[in-house]
Amino acid sequence: MNAAIPEGADLPSLDDPQEVNYLLYSHALAVANRLSEAARKHVSRQEVIDVDKKASAFLASALLGKNPAYAPAKVNTPETIERRLRSALSNRLSQVGLTEHDVVDSRDFMQVAMFMFTNEVHELIQEIEKNPDTIVEEGPIKLNALLGKWGQLITKEHLDA
């Protein structure tokens, strides 16, 4: 895959909050498309879950600096992103029955965190589908709020105690 990237190309960086937002947006859009396919019976619910897991793992790998399509981050390093998310999601981990010991490995933790994001996208879609008359108006607002929340979790500088 490295050969496909032209030498000297300006690569996007996770130090740019807009790039992080675009990465999250692309993932959310793919989730919505899969759910739409399932609703039309083109794919099964289990297929959606399986692909969501793979997509969450791919998203996690990008945030862990494993995607050569992104320049190495200087501020939002994989370690910094992981530390921020661990801090923000510690209570949610216990709510889903996981302990820090269960996700001590960075890759495991980030995959769980990105699957949590994926689940929030599912929940948002279910919520906005309850009132079809407001989807066009409220859908983008609610999606932007969700993306903003997760983008801030990933990129916002936190004061270390």
C-alpha atoms as a PDB file:
ATOM      1  CA  MET A   1       0.000   0.000   0.000  1.00  0.00           C
ATOM      2  CA  ASN A   2       2.896   2.395   0.623  1.00  0.00           C
ATOM      3  CA  ALA A   3       3.796   2.194  -3.063  1.00  0.00           C
ATOM      4  CA  ALA A   4       0.370   3.625  -3.969  1.00  0.00           C
ATOM      5  CA  ILE A   5       1.161   6.884  -2.154  1.00  0.00           C
ATOM      6  CA  PRO A   6       3.270   9.192  -4.306  1.00  0.00           C
ATOM      7  CA  GLU A   7       6.560  10.190  -2.773  1.00  0.00           C
ATOM      8  CA  GLY A   8       6.425  13.697  -1.331  1.00  0.00           C
ATOM      9  CA  ALA A   9       2.621  13.747  -1.244  1.00  0.00           C
ATOM     10  CA  ASP A  10       1.023  15.856   1.444  1.00  0.00           C
ATOM     11  CA  LEU A  11      -0.822  13.346   3.544  1.00  0.00           C
ATOM     12  CA  PRO A  12      -3.703  14.228   5.836  1.00  0.00           C
ATOM     13  CA  SER A  13      -2.868  14.271   9.524  1.00  0.00           C
ATOM     14  CA  LEU A  14      -4.863  13.389  12.599  1.00  0.00           C
ATOM     15  CA  ASP A  15      -3.467  16.589  14.089  1.00  0.00           C
ATOM     16  CA  ASP A  16      -6.090  18.333  11.954  1.00  0.00           C
ATOM     17  CA  PRO A  17      -9.465  18.136  13.746  1.00  0.00           C
ATOM     18  CA  GLN A  18     -11.220  18.371  10.359  1.00  0.00           C
ATOM     19  CA  GLU A  19      -9.449  15.207   9.218  1.00  0.00           C
ATOM     20  CA  VAL A  20     -10.528  13.409  12.378  1.00  0.00           C
ATOM     21  CA  ASN A  21     -14.084  14.639  11.807  1.00  0.00           C
ATOM     22  CA  TYR A  22     -13.970  13.481   8.187  1.00  0.00           C
ATOM     23  CA  LEU A  23     -12.690  10.059   9.253  1.00  0.00           C
ATOM     24  CA  LEU A  24     -15.532   9.730  11.779  1.00  0.00           C
ATOM     25  CA  TYR A  25     -18.079  11.085   9.279  1.00  0.00           C
ATOM     26  CA  SER A  26     -16.987   8.576   6.624  1.00  0.00           C
ATOM     27  CA  HIS A  27     -17.345   5.759   9.112  1.00  0.00           C
ATOM     28  CA  ALA A  28     -20.801   6.955  10.223  1.00  0.00           C
ATOM     29  CA  LEU A  29     -21.946   7.279   6.611  1.00  0.00           C
ATOM     30  CA  ALA A  30     -20.800   3.727   5.880  1.00  0.00           C
ATOM     31  CA  VAL A  31     -22.693   2.491   8.952  1.00  0.00           C
ATOM     32  CA  ALA A  32     -25.844   4.264   7.743  1.00  0.00           C
ATOM     33  CA  ASN A  33     -25.451   2.747   4.277  1.00  0.00           C
ATOM     34  CA  ARG A  34     -25.107  -0.747   5.738  1.00  0.00           C
ATOM     35  CA  LEU A  35     -28.206  -0.249   7.865  1.00  0.00           C
ATOM     36  CA  SER A  36     -30.085   0.953   4.809  1.00  0.00           C
ATOM     37  CA  GLU A  37     -29.040  -2.161   2.901  1.00  0.00           C
ATOM     38  CA  ALA A  38     -30.205  -4.323   5.799  1.00  0.00           C
ATOM     39  CA  ALA A  39     -33.550  -2.507   5.918  1.00  0.00           C
ATOM     40  CA  ARG A  40     -34.022  -3.301   2.223  1.00  0.00           C
ATOM     41  CA  LYS A  41     -33.105  -6.934   2.989  1.00  0.00           C
ATOM     42  CA  HIS A  42     -30.017  -6.828   0.751  1.00  0.00           C
ATOM     43  CA  VAL A  43     -27.822  -7.924   3.664  1.00  0.00           C
ATOM     44  CA  SER A  44     -28.562  -9.606   6.954  1.00  0.00           C
ATOM     45  CA  ARG A  45     -28.338  -7.949  10.347  1.00  0.00           C
ATOM     46  CA  GLN A  46     -25.457 -10.299  11.196  1.00  0.00           C
ATOM     47  CA  GLU A  47     -23.583  -9.166   8.088  1.00  0.00           C
ATOM     48  CA  VAL A  48     -24.013  -5.562   9.218  1.00  0.00           C
ATOM     49  CA  ILE A  49     -22.588  -6.430  12.639  1.00  0.00           C
ATOM     50  CA  ASP A  50     -19.658  -8.322  11.125  1.00  0.00           C
ATOM     51  CA  VAL A  51     -18.764  -5.489   8.761  1.00  0.00           C
ATOM     52  CA  ASP A  52     -19.233  -2.920  11.547  1.00  0.00           C
ATOM     53  CA  LYS A  53     -16.674  -4.816  13.623  1.00  0.00           C
ATOM     54  CA  LYS A  54     -14.199  -4.847  10.745  1.00  0.00           C
ATOM     55  CA  ALA A  55     -14.818  -1.168   9.992  1.00  0.00           C
ATOM     56  CA  SER A  56     -14.364  -0.301  13.677  1.00  0.00           C
ATOM     57  CA  ALA A  57     -11.052  -2.177  13.658  1.00  0.00           C
ATOM     58  CA  PHE A  58      -9.991  -0.261  10.539  1.00  0.00           C
ATOM     59  CA  LEU A  59     -10.933   3.047  12.159  1.00  0.00           C
ATOM     60  CA  ALA A  60      -9.026   2.038  15.293  1.00  0.00           C
ATOM     61  CA  SER A  61      -5.941   1.210  13.223  1.00  0.00           C
ATOM     62  CA  ALA A  62      -6.025   4.672  11.646  1.00  0.00           C
ATOM     63  CA  LEU A  63      -6.191   6.301  15.080  1.00  0.00           C
ATOM     64  CA  LEU A  64      -3.333   4.069  16.223  1.00  0.00           C
ATOM     65  CA  GLY A  65      -1.144   5.427  13.426  1.00  0.00           C
ATOM     66  CA  LYS A  66      -1.249   2.200  11.405  1.00  0.00           C
ATOM     67  CA  ASN A  67      -2.729   3.673   8.228  1.00  0.00           C
ATOM     68  CA  PRO A  68      -0.003   4.880   5.832  1.00  0.00           C
ATOM     69  CA  ALA A  69      -2.513   7.225   4.185  1.00  0.00           C
ATOM     70  CA  TYR A  70      -2.060   9.542   7.194  1.00  0.00           C
ATOM     71  CA  ALA A  71       1.034  11.505   8.095  1.00  0.00           C
ATOM     72  CA  PRO A  72       2.434  10.745  11.547  1.00  0.00           C
ATOM     73  CA  ALA A  73       0.730  12.963  14.099  1.00  0.00           C
ATOM     74  CA  LYS A  74       2.745  15.230  16.335  1.00  0.00           C
ATOM     75  CA  VAL A  75      -0.017  16.334  18.711  1.00  0.00           C
ATOM     76  CA  ASN A  76      -2.736  13.705  18.386  1.00  0.00           C
ATOM     77  CA  THR A  77      -0.351  10.794  18.603  1.00  0.00           C
ATOM     78  CA  PRO A  78      -1.772   7.310  18.998  1.00  0.00           C
ATOM     79  CA  GLU A  79      -0.719   7.338  22.649  1.00  0.00           C
ATOM     80  CA  THR A  80      -2.403  10.676  23.275  1.00  0.00           C
ATOM     81  CA  ILE A  81      -5.610   9.611  21.540  1.00  0.00           C
ATOM     82  CA  GLU A  82      -5.676   6.366  23.503  1.00  0.00           C
ATOM     83  CA  ARG A  83      -5.074   8.180  26.802  1.00  0.00           C
ATOM     84  CA  ARG A  84      -7.893  10.640  26.088  1.00  0.00           C
ATOM     85  CA  LEU A  85     -10.326   7.918  25.119  1.00  0.00           C
ATOM     86  CA  ARG A  86      -9.406   5.708  28.075  1.00  0.00           C
ATOM     87  CA  SER A  87     -10.080   8.617  30.394  1.00  0.00           C
ATOM     88  CA  ALA A  88     -13.361   9.523  28.725  1.00  0.00           C
ATOM     89  CA  LEU A  89     -14.680   5.974  28.331  1.00  0.00           C
ATOM     90  CA  SER A  90     -13.623   4.315  31.582  1.00  0.00           C
ATOM     91  CA  ASN A  91     -17.155   4.397  33.048  1.00  0.00           C
ATOM     92  CA  ARG A  92     -18.709   3.166  29.811  1.00  0.00           C
ATOM     93  CA  LEU A  93     -16.326   0.216  29.725  1.00  0.00           C
ATOM     94  CA  SER A  94     -17.590  -0.951  33.088  1.00  0.00           C
ATOM     95  CA  GLN A  95     -21.191  -0.425  31.969  1.00  0.00           C
ATOM     96  CA  VAL A  96     -20.665  -2.931  29.154  1.00  0.00           C
ATOM     97  CA  GLY A  97     -18.953  -5.381  31.487  1.00  0.00           C
ATOM     98  CA  LEU A  98     -15.319  -4.688  30.598  1.00  0.00           C
ATOM     99  CA  THR A  99     -12.482  -3.851  32.934  1.00  0.00           C
ATOM    100  CA  GLU A 100      -9.253  -2.037  32.095  1.00  0.00           C
ATOM    101  CA  HIS A 101      -7.598  -5.456  32.309  1.00  0.00           C
ATOM    102  CA  ASP A 102      -9.845  -6.725  29.497  1.00  0.00           C
ATOM    103  CA  VAL A 103      -8.596  -4.004  27.151  1.00  0.00           C
ATOM    104  CA  VAL A 104      -5.033  -3.455  28.337  1.00  0.00           C
ATOM    105  CA  ASP A 105      -3.734  -3.891  24.779  1.00  0.00           C
ATOM    106  CA  SER A 106      -3.963  -0.636  22.778  1.00  0.00           C
ATOM    107  CA  ARG A 107      -5.405  -2.356  19.733  1.00  0.00           C
ATOM    108  CA  ASP A 108      -8.100  -4.122  21.739  1.00  0.00           C
ATOM    109  CA  PHE A 109      -9.048  -0.930  23.555  1.00  0.00           C
ATOM    110  CA  MET A 110      -9.232   1.183  20.405  1.00  0.00           C
ATOM    111  CA  GLN A 111     -11.357  -1.422  18.640  1.00  0.00           C
ATOM    112  CA  VAL A 112     -13.769  -1.454  21.570  1.00  0.00           C
ATOM    113  CA  ALA A 113     -13.821   2.358  21.653  1.00  0.00           C
ATOM    114  CA  MET A 114     -14.547   2.591  17.930  1.00  0.00           C
ATOM    115  CA  PHE A 115     -17.240  -0.070  18.226  1.00  0.00           C
ATOM    116  CA  MET A 116     -18.779   2.102  20.968  1.00  0.00           C
ATOM    117  CA  PHE A 117     -18.766   4.985  18.479  1.00  0.00           C
ATOM    118  CA  THR A 118     -20.349   2.700  15.876  1.00  0.00           C
ATOM    119  CA  ASN A 119     -23.060   1.716  18.347  1.00  0.00           C
ATOM    120  CA  GLU A 120     -23.781   5.385  19.025  1.00  0.00           C
ATOM    121  CA  VAL A 121     -24.234   5.885  15.284  1.00  0.00           C
ATOM    122  CA  HIS A 122     -26.706   2.977  15.276  1.00  0.00           C
ATOM    123  CA  GLU A 123     -28.565   4.491  18.243  1.00  0.00           C
ATOM    124  CA  LEU A 124     -28.692   7.890  16.551  1.00  0.00           C
ATOM    125  CA  ILE A 125     -30.117   6.407  13.371  1.00  0.00           C
ATOM    126  CA  GLN A 126     -32.761   4.513  15.352  1.00  0.00           C
ATOM    127  CA  GLU A 127     -33.637   7.701  17.221  1.00  0.00           C
ATOM    128  CA  ILE A 128     -34.041   9.905  14.167  1.00  0.00           C
ATOM    129  CA  GLU A 129     -35.988   7.230  12.269  1.00  0.00           C
ATOM    130  CA  LYS A 130     -38.707   7.380  14.949  1.00  0.00           C
ATOM    131  CA  ASN A 131     -39.904  10.664  13.490  1.00  0.00           C
ATOM    132  CA  PRO A 132     -39.433  10.586   9.697  1.00  0.00           C
ATOM    133  CA  ASP A 133     -40.850  14.106   9.318  1.00  0.00           C
ATOM    134  CA  THR A 134     -37.838  15.619  11.073  1.00  0.00           C
ATOM    135  CA  ILE A 135     -35.031  13.467   9.613  1.00  0.00           C
ATOM    136  CA  VAL A 136     -34.004  16.066   7.028  1.00  0.00           C
ATOM    137  CA  GLU A 137     -33.932  18.876   9.597  1.00  0.00           C
ATOM    138  CA  GLU A 138     -32.717  17.136  12.729  1.00  0.00           C
ATOM    139  CA  GLY A 139     -30.625  14.289  11.311  1.00  0.00           C
ATOM    140  CA  PRO A 140     -27.634  16.396  10.235  1.00  0.00           C
ATOM    141  CA  ILE A 141     -27.743  18.437  13.450  1.00  0.00           C
ATOM    142  CA  LYS A 142     -27.714  15.328  15.618  1.00  0.00           C
ATOM    143  CA  LEU A 143     -25.026  13.670  13.485  1.00  0.00           C
ATOM    144  CA  ASN A 144     -22.833  16.761  13.733  1.00  0.00           C
ATOM    145  CA  ALA A 145     -23.298  16.759  17.509  1.00  0.00           C
ATOM    146  CA  LEU A 146     -22.248  13.109  17.715  1.00  0.00           C
ATOM    147  CA  LEU A 147     -19.250  13.659  15.445  1.00  0.00           C
ATOM    148  CA  GLY A 148     -18.313  16.768  17.411  1.00  0.00           C
ATOM    149  CA  LYS A 149     -18.448  14.892  20.693  1.00  0.00           C
ATOM    150  CA  TRP A 150     -16.227  12.069  19.465  1.00  0.00           C
ATOM    151  CA  GLY A 151     -13.933  14.430  17.564  1.00  0.00           C
ATOM    152  CA  GLN A 152     -13.420  16.384  20.753  1.00  0.00           C
ATOM    153  CA  LEU A 153     -12.718  13.192  22.706  1.00  0.00           C
ATOM    154  CA  ILE A 154     -10.025  12.308  20.189  1.00  0.00           C
ATOM    155  CA  THR A 155      -8.438  15.711  19.563  1.00  0.00           C
ATOM    156  CA  LYS A 156      -9.091  17.979  22.510  1.00  0.00           C
ATOM    157  CA  GLU A 157      -6.133  18.764  24.707  1.00  0.00           C
ATOM    158  CA  HIS A 158      -6.796  17.722  28.274  1.00  0.00           C
ATOM    159  CA  LEU A 159      -4.922  19.099  31.235  1.00  0.00           C
ATOM    160  CA  ASP A 160      -2.916  16.371  32.844  1.00  0.00           C
ATOM    161  CA  ALA A 161      -3.346  16.212  36.598  1.00  0.00           C
END
